[in-house]
PDB file of N, CA and C in Angstrom:
ATOM      1  N   MET A   1       0.552  -1.017   0.094  1.00  0.00           N
ATOM      2  CA  MET A   1       0.083   0.061   0.166  1.00  0.00           C
ATOM      3  C   MET A   1       0.725   1.049   0.114  1.00  0.00           C
ATOM      4  N   ALA A   2       0.107   2.453  -0.532  1.00  0.00           N
ATOM      5  CA  ALA A   2       0.987   3.401  -0.461  1.00  0.00           C
ATOM      6  C   ALA A   2       0.406   4.834   0.028  1.00  0.00           C
ATOM      7  N   SER A   3       0.603   5.684   0.341  1.00  0.00           N
ATOM      8  CA  SER A   3       0.006   7.020   0.258  1.00  0.00           C
ATOM      9  C   SER A   3       0.135   8.531  -0.621  1.00  0.00           C
ATOM     10  N   TRP A   4      -0.643   8.896  -0.794  1.00  0.00           N
ATOM     11  CA  TRP A   4      -0.110  10.261  -1.935  1.00  0.00           C
ATOM     12  C   TRP A   4       0.717  10.342  -1.979  1.00  0.00           C
ATOM     13  N   THR A   5       1.720  10.933  -0.927  1.00  0.00           N
ATOM     14  CA  THR A   5       3.052  11.390  -1.496  1.00  0.00           C
ATOM     15  C   THR A   5       3.748  10.026  -1.566  1.00  0.00           C
ATOM     16  N   GLY A   6       3.731   8.744  -1.497  1.00  0.00           N
ATOM     17  CA  GLY A   6       4.583   7.915  -1.754  1.00  0.00           C
ATOM     18  C   GLY A   6       5.490   7.265  -0.573  1.00  0.00           C
ATOM     19  N   THR A   7       4.756   7.346   0.193  1.00  0.00           N
ATOM     20  CA  THR A   7       5.077   6.211   1.233  1.00  0.00           C
ATOM     21  C   THR A   7       4.628   4.836   1.202  1.00  0.00           C
ATOM     22  N   LEU A   8       5.339   4.444   1.019  1.00  0.00           N
ATOM     23  CA  LEU A   8       5.036   2.634   1.185  1.00  0.00           C
ATOM     24  C   LEU A   8       4.929   2.031   2.249  1.00  0.00           C
ATOM     25  N   TYR A   9       4.124   0.918   2.270  1.00  0.00           N
ATOM     26  CA  TYR A   9       3.780  -0.101   3.501  1.00  0.00           C
ATOM     27  C   TYR A   9       3.633  -1.656   3.132  1.00  0.00           C
ATOM     28  N   VAL A  10       4.388  -2.271   3.928  1.00  0.00           N
ATOM     29  CA  VAL A  10       4.116  -3.801   3.949  1.00  0.00           C
ATOM     30  C   VAL A  10       3.316  -4.519   4.513  1.00  0.00           C
ATOM     31  N   GLY A  11       2.750  -4.892   4.304  1.00  0.00           N
ATOM     32  CA  GLY A  11       1.718  -5.568   5.341  1.00  0.00           C
ATOM     33  C   GLY A  11       1.367  -7.373   5.324  1.00  0.00           C
ATOM     34  N   VAL A  12       0.730  -8.026   6.057  1.00  0.00           N
ATOM     35  CA  VAL A  12       0.207  -9.129   5.330  1.00  0.00           C
ATOM     36  C   VAL A  12      -1.213  -9.876   6.471  1.00  0.00           C
ATOM     37  N   THR A  13      -2.189  -9.771   5.467  1.00  0.00           N
ATOM     38  CA  THR A  13      -3.635  -9.848   6.576  1.00  0.00           C
ATOM     39  C   THR A  13      -4.347 -11.493   5.788  1.00  0.00           C
ATOM     40  N   ASN A  14      -5.520 -11.942   6.465  1.00  0.00           N
ATOM     41  CA  ASN A  14      -6.253 -12.937   6.146  1.00  0.00           C
ATOM     42  C   ASN A  14      -7.460 -12.656   5.624  1.00  0.00           C
ATOM     43  N   ASP A  15      -7.746 -10.994   5.519  1.00  0.00           N
ATOM     44  CA  ASP A  15      -8.975 -10.273   4.607  1.00  0.00           C
ATOM     45  C   ASP A  15      -8.321  -8.916   4.134  1.00  0.00           C
ATOM     46  N   LEU A  16      -8.172  -8.913   2.937  1.00  0.00           N
ATOM     47  CA  LEU A  16      -7.380  -7.796   2.294  1.00  0.00           C
ATOM     48  C   LEU A  16      -8.348  -6.723   1.812  1.00  0.00           C
ATOM     49  N   LYS A  17      -9.639  -7.007   1.171  1.00  0.00           N
ATOM     50  CA  LYS A  17     -10.197  -6.557   1.488  1.00  0.00           C
ATOM     51  C   LYS A  17     -11.049  -5.034   2.882  1.00  0.00           C
ATOM     52  N   LEU A  18     -11.076  -6.096   3.737  1.00  0.00           N
ATOM     53  CA  LEU A  18     -11.252  -5.415   5.182  1.00  0.00           C
ATOM     54  C   LEU A  18      -9.881  -4.689   5.670  1.00  0.00           C
ATOM     55  N   ARG A  19      -8.933  -5.190   5.755  1.00  0.00           N
ATOM     56  CA  ARG A  19      -7.694  -4.574   5.851  1.00  0.00           C
ATOM     57  C   ARG A  19      -7.618  -3.240   5.009  1.00  0.00           C
ATOM     58  N   VAL A  20      -7.984  -3.501   3.646  1.00  0.00           N
ATOM     59  CA  VAL A  20      -7.957  -2.181   3.352  1.00  0.00           C
ATOM     60  C   VAL A  20      -8.819  -0.805   3.498  1.00  0.00           C
ATOM     61  N   LEU A  21      -9.782  -1.174   3.651  1.00  0.00           N
ATOM     62  CA  LEU A  21     -11.073  -0.404   4.103  1.00  0.00           C
ATOM     63  C   LEU A  21     -10.488  -0.035   5.727  1.00  0.00           C
ATOM     64  N   GLU A  22      -9.960  -0.617   6.753  1.00  0.00           N
ATOM     65  CA  GLU A  22      -8.793  -0.304   7.481  1.00  0.00           C
ATOM     66  C   GLU A  22      -8.003   0.447   7.976  1.00  0.00           C
ATOM     67  N   HIS A  23      -7.105   0.559   6.732  1.00  0.00           N
ATOM     68  CA  HIS A  23      -6.051   1.586   6.613  1.00  0.00           C
ATOM     69  C   HIS A  23      -6.800   2.576   6.158  1.00  0.00           C
ATOM     70  N   ARG A  24      -7.944   2.770   4.788  1.00  0.00           N
ATOM     71  CA  ARG A  24      -8.557   3.963   4.348  1.00  0.00           C
ATOM     72  C   ARG A  24      -9.566   4.653   5.815  1.00  0.00           C
ATOM     73  N   ALA A  25      -9.912   3.823   7.043  1.00  0.00           N
ATOM     74  CA  ALA A  25     -10.383   4.333   7.587  1.00  0.00           C
ATOM     75  C   ALA A  25      -9.478   5.036   8.693  1.00  0.00           C
ATOM     76  N   GLY A  26      -8.375   4.746   8.839  1.00  0.00           N
ATOM     77  CA  GLY A  26      -7.695   4.996   9.357  1.00  0.00           C
ATOM     78  C   GLY A  26      -7.954   4.259  10.807  1.00  0.00           C
ATOM     79  N   THR A  27      -8.469   2.974  11.073  1.00  0.00           N
ATOM     80  CA  THR A  27      -8.786   2.356  12.277  1.00  0.00           C
ATOM     81  C   THR A  27      -7.861   2.107  13.058  1.00  0.00           C
ATOM     82  N   PHE A  28      -6.713   1.716  13.105  1.00  0.00           N
ATOM     83  CA  PHE A  28      -5.586   1.752  14.153  1.00  0.00           C
ATOM     84  C   PHE A  28      -4.342   2.464  13.931  1.00  0.00           C
ATOM     85  N   PRO A  29      -4.193   2.977  15.368  1.00  0.00           N
ATOM     86  CA  PRO A  29      -2.630   4.024  15.153  1.00  0.00           C
ATOM     87  C   PRO A  29      -1.847   3.102  14.781  1.00  0.00           C
ATOM     88  N   GLY A  30      -0.903   3.922  14.042  1.00  0.00           N
ATOM     89  CA  GLY A  30       0.576   3.151  13.743  1.00  0.00           C
ATOM     90  C   GLY A  30       0.984   4.127  12.262  1.00  0.00           C
ATOM     91  N   PHE A  31       2.355   3.186  11.814  1.00  0.00           N
ATOM     92  CA  PHE A  31       2.756   3.809  10.733  1.00  0.00           C
ATOM     93  C   PHE A  31       1.564   3.996   9.736  1.00  0.00           C
ATOM     94  N   ALA A  32       1.199   3.222   9.434  1.00  0.00           N
ATOM     95  CA  ALA A  32      -0.122   3.489   8.245  1.00  0.00           C
ATOM     96  C   ALA A  32      -0.861   4.204   8.209  1.00  0.00           C
ATOM     97  N   SER A  33      -1.636   4.798   9.297  1.00  0.00           N
ATOM     98  CA  SER A  33      -2.496   5.510   9.793  1.00  0.00           C
ATOM     99  C   SER A  33      -1.432   7.199   9.551  1.00  0.00           C
ATOM    100  N   ARG A  34      -0.317   6.776  10.422  1.00  0.00           N
ATOM    101  CA  ARG A  34       0.831   8.329  10.767  1.00  0.00           C
ATOM    102  C   ARG A  34       0.613   8.937   9.343  1.00  0.00           C
ATOM    103  N   TYR A  35       1.153   7.651   8.369  1.00  0.00           N
ATOM    104  CA  TYR A  35       1.764   8.315   7.172  1.00  0.00           C
ATOM    105  C   TYR A  35       0.952   8.600   5.535  1.00  0.00           C
ATOM    106  N   GLY A  36      -0.736   8.125   6.574  1.00  0.00           N
ATOM    107  CA  GLY A  36      -1.706   8.163   5.094  1.00  0.00           C
ATOM    108  C   GLY A  36      -2.202   7.356   4.510  1.00  0.00           C
ATOM    109  N   VAL A  37      -1.102   5.969   4.491  1.00  0.00           N
ATOM    110  CA  VAL A  37      -1.090   4.793   3.593  1.00  0.00           C
ATOM    111  C   VAL A  37      -3.021   4.554   3.360  1.00  0.00           C
ATOM    112  N   ARG A  38      -3.515   4.735   2.575  1.00  0.00           N
ATOM    113  CA  ARG A  38      -4.359   4.486   1.869  1.00  0.00           C
ATOM    114  C   ARG A  38      -4.657   3.876   0.519  1.00  0.00           C
ATOM    115  N   ARG A  39      -3.985   3.398  -0.007  1.00  0.00           N
ATOM    116  CA  ARG A  39      -3.613   3.136  -1.384  1.00  0.00           C
ATOM    117  C   ARG A  39      -3.563   1.961  -1.620  1.00  0.00           C
ATOM    118  N   LEU A  40      -4.008   0.739  -1.928  1.00  0.00           N
ATOM    119  CA  LEU A  40      -4.056  -0.735  -2.706  1.00  0.00           C
ATOM    120  C   LEU A  40      -3.383  -0.369  -4.147  1.00  0.00           C
ATOM    121  N   LEU A  41      -1.846  -0.969  -3.939  1.00  0.00           N
ATOM    122  CA  LEU A  41      -1.110  -0.784  -4.864  1.00  0.00           C
ATOM    123  C   LEU A  41      -0.642  -1.899  -5.996  1.00  0.00           C
ATOM    124  N   TYR A  42      -0.625  -3.054  -4.681  1.00  0.00           N
ATOM    125  CA  TYR A  42       0.014  -4.489  -5.275  1.00  0.00           C
ATOM    126  C   TYR A  42      -0.455  -5.038  -4.048  1.00  0.00           C
ATOM    127  N   PHE A  43      -0.764  -6.376  -4.257  1.00  0.00           N
ATOM    128  CA  PHE A  43      -0.932  -7.568  -3.411  1.00  0.00           C
ATOM    129  C   PHE A  43      -0.536  -8.720  -4.280  1.00  0.00           C
ATOM    130  N   GLU A  44      -0.080  -9.593  -3.255  1.00  0.00           N
ATOM    131  CA  GLU A  44       0.276 -11.230  -3.201  1.00  0.00           C
ATOM    132  C   GLU A  44      -0.946 -12.056  -3.129  1.00  0.00           C
ATOM    133  N   GLU A  45      -1.257 -13.356  -2.905  1.00  0.00           N
ATOM    134  CA  GLU A  45      -2.144 -14.361  -2.379  1.00  0.00           C
ATOM    135  C   GLU A  45      -1.252 -15.397  -2.314  1.00  0.00           C
ATOM    136  N   TYR A  46      -1.281 -15.661  -0.924  1.00  0.00           N
ATOM    137  CA  TYR A  46      -0.869 -16.882  -0.472  1.00  0.00           C
ATOM    138  C   TYR A  46      -2.411 -17.829  -0.085  1.00  0.00           C
ATOM    139  N   ALA A  47      -1.574 -19.261  -0.020  1.00  0.00           N
ATOM    140  CA  ALA A  47      -2.541 -20.575   0.398  1.00  0.00           C
ATOM    141  C   ALA A  47      -1.799 -20.847   1.661  1.00  0.00           C
ATOM    142  N   GLU A  48      -0.989 -20.545   2.219  1.00  0.00           N
ATOM    143  CA  GLU A  48      -0.405 -20.508   3.651  1.00  0.00           C
ATOM    144  C   GLU A  48       0.140 -19.354   4.117  1.00  0.00           C
ATOM    145  N   ILE A  49      -0.248 -19.304   5.818  1.00  0.00           N
ATOM    146  CA  ILE A  49      -0.084 -17.565   6.145  1.00  0.00           C
ATOM    147  C   ILE A  49       1.410 -17.787   6.510  1.00  0.00           C
ATOM    148  N   LEU A  50       2.342 -18.759   6.734  1.00  0.00           N
ATOM    149  CA  LEU A  50       3.915 -18.709   6.894  1.00  0.00           C
ATOM    150  C   LEU A  50       4.484 -18.263   5.419  1.00  0.00           C
ATOM    151  N   ASP A  51       4.028 -18.939   4.508  1.00  0.00           N
ATOM    152  CA  ASP A  51       4.208 -18.771   3.350  1.00  0.00           C
ATOM    153  C   ASP A  51       4.147 -17.020   2.842  1.00  0.00           C
ATOM    154  N   ALA A  52       3.305 -16.510   3.205  1.00  0.00           N
ATOM    155  CA  ALA A  52       3.067 -15.128   3.270  1.00  0.00           C
ATOM    156  C   ALA A  52       3.873 -14.064   3.999  1.00  0.00           C
ATOM    157  N   ILE A  53       3.786 -14.743   5.229  1.00  0.00           N
ATOM    158  CA  ILE A  53       4.684 -13.596   6.213  1.00  0.00           C
ATOM    159  C   ILE A  53       6.247 -13.807   6.181  1.00  0.00           C
ATOM    160  N   ALA A  54       6.841 -14.713   5.424  1.00  0.00           N
ATOM    161  CA  ALA A  54       7.974 -14.838   4.805  1.00  0.00           C
ATOM    162  C   ALA A  54       7.798 -14.017   3.468  1.00  0.00           C
ATOM    163  N   ARG A  55       6.992 -14.274   2.919  1.00  0.00           N
ATOM    164  CA  ARG A  55       6.804 -12.717   1.397  1.00  0.00           C
ATOM    165  C   ARG A  55       7.158 -11.769   2.146  1.00  0.00           C
ATOM    166  N   GLU A  56       6.398 -11.107   2.760  1.00  0.00           N
ATOM    167  CA  GLU A  56       6.074 -10.043   3.738  1.00  0.00           C
ATOM    168  C   GLU A  56       7.447  -9.214   3.894  1.00  0.00           C
ATOM    169  N   LYS A  57       8.193 -10.234   4.533  1.00  0.00           N
ATOM    170  CA  LYS A  57       9.839 -10.119   5.297  1.00  0.00           C
ATOM    171  C   LYS A  57      10.168  -9.760   4.262  1.00  0.00           C
ATOM    172  N   GLN A  58      10.381 -10.427   3.027  1.00  0.00           N
ATOM    173  CA  GLN A  58      11.540 -10.590   2.258  1.00  0.00           C
ATOM    174  C   GLN A  58      11.027  -9.071   1.322  1.00  0.00           C
ATOM    175  N   ILE A  59       9.946  -8.618   1.326  1.00  0.00           N
ATOM    176  CA  ILE A  59       9.824  -7.361   0.492  1.00  0.00           C
ATOM    177  C   ILE A  59      10.426  -6.230   1.687  1.00  0.00           C
ATOM    178  N   LYS A  60       9.881  -6.126   3.013  1.00  0.00           N
ATOM    179  CA  LYS A  60      10.428  -5.612   3.907  1.00  0.00           C
ATOM    180  C   LYS A  60      11.462  -5.056   3.954  1.00  0.00           C
ATOM    181  N   GLY A  61      12.579  -6.533   3.246  1.00  0.00           N
ATOM    182  CA  GLY A  61      13.567  -5.894   3.155  1.00  0.00           C
ATOM    183  C   GLY A  61      14.821  -5.522   2.010  1.00  0.00           C
ATOM    184  N   TRP A  62      13.546  -5.235   1.312  1.00  0.00           N
ATOM    185  CA  TRP A  62      13.915  -5.109  -0.269  1.00  0.00           C
ATOM    186  C   TRP A  62      14.012  -2.976   0.220  1.00  0.00           C
ATOM    187  N   SER A  63      14.698  -2.481  -0.809  1.00  0.00           N
ATOM    188  CA  SER A  63      14.599  -1.004  -1.197  1.00  0.00           C
ATOM    189  C   SER A  63      13.767  -0.731  -1.385  1.00  0.00           C
ATOM    190  N   ARG A  64      13.973   0.509  -1.689  1.00  0.00           N
ATOM    191  CA  ARG A  64      12.698   1.248  -2.213  1.00  0.00           C
ATOM    192  C   ARG A  64      12.533   1.012  -2.913  1.00  0.00           C
ATOM    193  N   TRP A  65      13.832   1.077  -4.129  1.00  0.00           N
ATOM    194  CA  TRP A  65      13.567   1.341  -5.681  1.00  0.00           C
ATOM    195  C   TRP A  65      13.108  -0.236  -6.161  1.00  0.00           C
ATOM    196  N   LYS A  66      13.686  -1.427  -5.382  1.00  0.00           N
ATOM    197  CA  LYS A  66      12.691  -2.828  -5.636  1.00  0.00           C
ATOM    198  C   LYS A  66      11.841  -2.645  -5.628  1.00  0.00           C
ATOM    199  N   LYS A  67      11.073  -2.276  -4.471  1.00  0.00           N
ATOM    200  CA  LYS A  67       9.260  -2.343  -4.059  1.00  0.00           C
ATOM    201  C   LYS A  67       8.591  -1.641  -4.869  1.00  0.00           C
ATOM    202  N   VAL A  68       9.496  -0.307  -5.872  1.00  0.00           N
ATOM    203  CA  VAL A  68       8.705   0.513  -6.835  1.00  0.00           C
ATOM    204  C   VAL A  68       8.872  -0.305  -7.791  1.00  0.00           C
ATOM    205  N   ARG A  69       9.763  -1.005  -8.274  1.00  0.00           N
ATOM    206  CA  ARG A  69       9.939  -1.449  -9.616  1.00  0.00           C
ATOM    207  C   ARG A  69       8.862  -2.811  -9.375  1.00  0.00           C
ATOM    208  N   LEU A  70       8.394  -3.313  -8.198  1.00  0.00           N
ATOM    209  CA  LEU A  70       7.664  -4.957  -8.192  1.00  0.00           C
ATOM    210  C   LEU A  70       6.012  -4.470  -8.355  1.00  0.00           C
ATOM    211  N   ILE A  71       5.570  -2.642  -7.968  1.00  0.00           N
ATOM    212  CA  ILE A  71       4.928  -2.561  -7.936  1.00  0.00           C
ATOM    213  C   ILE A  71       4.300  -2.201  -9.481  1.00  0.00           C
ATOM    214  N   GLU A  72       5.157  -1.460 -10.239  1.00  0.00           N
ATOM    215  CA  GLU A  72       5.434  -0.861 -11.340  1.00  0.00           C
ATOM    216  C   GLU A  72       5.388  -2.693 -12.887  1.00  0.00           C
ATOM    217  N   SER A  73       5.711  -3.442 -11.992  1.00  0.00           N
ATOM    218  CA  SER A  73       5.839  -4.832 -12.899  1.00  0.00           C
ATOM    219  C   SER A  73       4.139  -5.396 -13.429  1.00  0.00           C
ATOM    220  N   VAL A  74       3.446  -4.679 -12.250  1.00  0.00           N
ATOM    221  CA  VAL A  74       1.947  -5.211 -12.382  1.00  0.00           C
ATOM    222  C   VAL A  74       0.770  -3.962 -12.638  1.00  0.00           C
ATOM    223  N   ASN A  75       1.295  -2.456 -11.913  1.00  0.00           N
ATOM    224  CA  ASN A  75       0.518  -1.407 -11.939  1.00  0.00           C
ATOM    225  C   ASN A  75       1.412  -0.126 -11.873  1.00  0.00           C
ATOM    226  N   PRO A  76       1.632  -0.162 -13.249  1.00  0.00           N
ATOM    227  CA  PRO A  76       2.516   1.095 -13.481  1.00  0.00           C
ATOM    228  C   PRO A  76       2.152   2.418 -13.329  1.00  0.00           C
ATOM    229  N   PRO A  77       0.697   2.138 -13.452  1.00  0.00           N
ATOM    230  CA  PRO A  77       0.431   3.825 -13.441  1.00  0.00           C
ATOM    231  C   PRO A  77       0.147   4.300 -11.914  1.00  0.00           C
ATOM    232  N   TRP A  78       0.347   2.995 -10.776  1.00  0.00           N
ATOM    233  CA  TRP A  78       0.209   3.104  -9.439  1.00  0.00           C
ATOM    234  C   TRP A  78      -1.524   3.728  -9.187  1.00  0.00           C
ATOM    235  N   ARG A  79      -2.625   2.552 -10.129  1.00  0.00           N
ATOM    236  CA  ARG A  79      -3.478   2.584 -10.219  1.00  0.00           C
ATOM    237  C   ARG A  79      -4.630   2.277  -8.885  1.00  0.00           C
ATOM    238  N   ASP A  80      -5.429   3.098  -7.984  1.00  0.00           N
ATOM    239  CA  ASP A  80      -6.028   2.068  -6.876  1.00  0.00           C
ATOM    240  C   ASP A  80      -7.440   1.508  -7.314  1.00  0.00           C
ATOM    241  N   PRO A  81      -8.283   0.758  -6.742  1.00  0.00           N
ATOM    242  CA  PRO A  81      -7.465  -0.527  -6.933  1.00  0.00           C
ATOM    243  C   PRO A  81      -6.685  -0.698  -8.433  1.00  0.00           C
ATOM    244  N   PRO A  82      -5.543  -1.777  -7.814  1.00  0.00           N
ATOM    245  CA  PRO A  82      -4.951  -2.534  -9.287  1.00  0.00           C
ATOM    246  C   PRO A  82      -6.098  -2.925 -10.084  1.00  0.00           C
ATOM    247  N   LYS A  83      -6.039  -2.984 -11.226  1.00  0.00           N
ATOM    248  CA  LYS A  83      -6.727  -3.595 -12.446  1.00  0.00           C
ATOM    249  C   LYS A  83      -6.787  -5.072 -12.606  1.00  0.00           C
ATOM    250  N   ASP A  84      -6.354  -5.981 -11.855  1.00  0.00           N
ATOM    251  CA  ASP A  84      -6.935  -7.327 -11.633  1.00  0.00           C
ATOM    252  C   ASP A  84      -7.870  -7.079  -9.676  1.00  0.00           C
ATOM    253  N   TRP A  85      -7.937  -6.109  -9.511  1.00  0.00           N
ATOM    254  CA  TRP A  85      -8.391  -6.481  -8.350  1.00  0.00           C
ATOM    255  C   TRP A  85      -9.799  -7.320  -8.172  1.00  0.00           C
ATOM    256  N   LYS A  86     -10.101  -8.435  -7.193  1.00  0.00           N
ATOM    257  CA  LYS A  86     -10.738  -9.127  -7.300  1.00  0.00           C
ATOM    258  C   LYS A  86     -12.235  -8.938  -6.960  1.00  0.00           C
ATOM    259  N   SER A  87     -13.379  -9.049  -7.523  1.00  0.00           N
ATOM    260  CA  SER A  87     -14.506  -8.881  -6.437  1.00  0.00           C
ATOM    261  C   SER A  87     -15.447  -9.126  -5.697  1.00  0.00           C
TER     262      SER A  87
END
């Protein structure tokens, strides 16, 4: 996820749509609400939570440049929601 100013946030959840709504509402205090992170730009789905957590940790360890390249590989205009969002 990202803010309008480009601050990036990486997280894991078992309910993506609910979590996006929570971010947009600023439901929980913390990094995302402090920096206005409200735009879903990229996501991956995993069957196993441990795989999702491992991927989250991997991406969090990346440089900003590498994270931006990942987003732009599937969502070049940084459209919210991404065009492959599933209803």
